[in-house]
């Protein structure tokens, strides 16, 4: 059951694509503050995704645990 959950998630396409891709040349042309701001936003979005994934894993674990306790 748990493996199905992980593999099922992998098959889904990612809906949230980065707003824009920055190549190295344009990245170096940005000021330090702009680079830090972009980096902070990317890290924040990644952290939100990680927290959502952890929450869903915990919920699935609780469901499995409850199922096992019923028997």
Protein backbone atom coordinates (compact mmCIF):
# COMPACT_ATOMS: atom_id res chain seq x y z
CA UNK A 1 0.00 0.00 0.00
CA UNK A 2 2.74 2.41 0.95
CA UNK A 3 4.71 1.62 -2.19
CA UNK A 4 1.65 2.22 -4.33
CA UNK A 5 1.31 5.62 -2.73
CA UNK A 6 4.89 6.64 -3.61
CA UNK A 7 4.86 5.25 -7.13
CA UNK A 8 1.45 6.73 -7.84
CA UNK A 9 2.75 10.16 -6.87
CA UNK A 10 5.78 9.84 -9.13
CA UNK A 11 3.61 9.26 -12.17
CA UNK A 12 1.71 12.50 -11.71
CA UNK A 13 3.02 15.41 -13.69
CA UNK A 14 4.31 18.40 -11.82
CA UNK A 15 1.82 21.23 -12.06
CA UNK A 16 3.97 23.94 -10.55
CA UNK A 17 6.75 24.73 -12.94
CA UNK A 18 9.20 27.50 -12.22
CA UNK A 19 7.97 30.88 -13.32
CA UNK A 20 11.03 31.50 -15.39
CA UNK A 21 14.31 29.81 -15.90
CA UNK A 22 17.36 31.96 -15.46
CA UNK A 23 20.46 31.08 -17.39
CA UNK A 24 23.91 31.68 -15.96
CA UNK A 25 24.59 34.85 -17.94
CA UNK A 26 21.41 36.61 -16.84
CA UNK A 27 21.90 35.31 -13.29
CA UNK A 28 25.32 36.96 -13.08
CA UNK A 29 23.91 40.22 -14.43
CA UNK A 30 21.51 40.47 -11.49
CA UNK A 31 22.47 42.36 -8.36
CA UNK A 32 23.29 40.47 -5.19
CA UNK A 33 19.98 41.49 -3.61
CA UNK A 34 17.99 40.25 -6.64
CA UNK A 35 19.81 36.92 -6.59
CA UNK A 36 19.18 36.50 -2.87
CA UNK A 37 15.51 37.36 -3.35
CA UNK A 38 15.07 34.82 -6.16
CA UNK A 39 16.95 32.20 -4.16
CA UNK A 40 14.81 32.87 -1.08
CA UNK A 41 11.58 32.50 -3.10
CA UNK A 42 12.78 29.22 -4.62
CA UNK A 43 13.74 27.82 -1.21
CA UNK A 44 10.41 28.91 0.25
CA UNK A 45 8.43 27.20 -2.53
CA UNK A 46 10.52 24.05 -2.12
CA UNK A 47 9.92 24.03 1.63
CA UNK A 48 6.16 24.34 1.12
CA UNK A 49 6.22 21.35 -1.24
CA UNK A 50 8.29 19.30 1.20
CA UNK A 51 5.94 20.08 4.08
CA UNK A 52 2.92 19.08 1.97
CA UNK A 53 4.59 15.81 1.03
CA UNK A 54 5.48 15.04 4.65
CA UNK A 55 1.93 15.79 5.75
CA UNK A 56 0.49 13.44 3.14
CA UNK A 57 2.95 10.70 4.14
CA UNK A 58 2.00 11.11 7.80
CA UNK A 59 -1.69 10.95 6.94
CA UNK A 60 -1.18 7.74 4.96
CA UNK A 61 0.83 6.26 7.81
CA UNK A 62 -1.95 7.08 10.27
CA UNK A 63 -4.51 5.43 7.97
CA UNK A 64 -2.38 2.29 7.70
CA UNK A 65 -1.85 2.22 11.46
CA UNK A 66 -5.58 2.56 12.11
CA UNK A 67 -6.33 -0.24 9.64
CA UNK A 68 -3.89 -2.54 11.41
CA UNK A 69 -5.40 -1.73 14.79
CA UNK A 70 -8.90 -2.65 13.60
CA UNK A 71 -7.97 -6.28 13.02
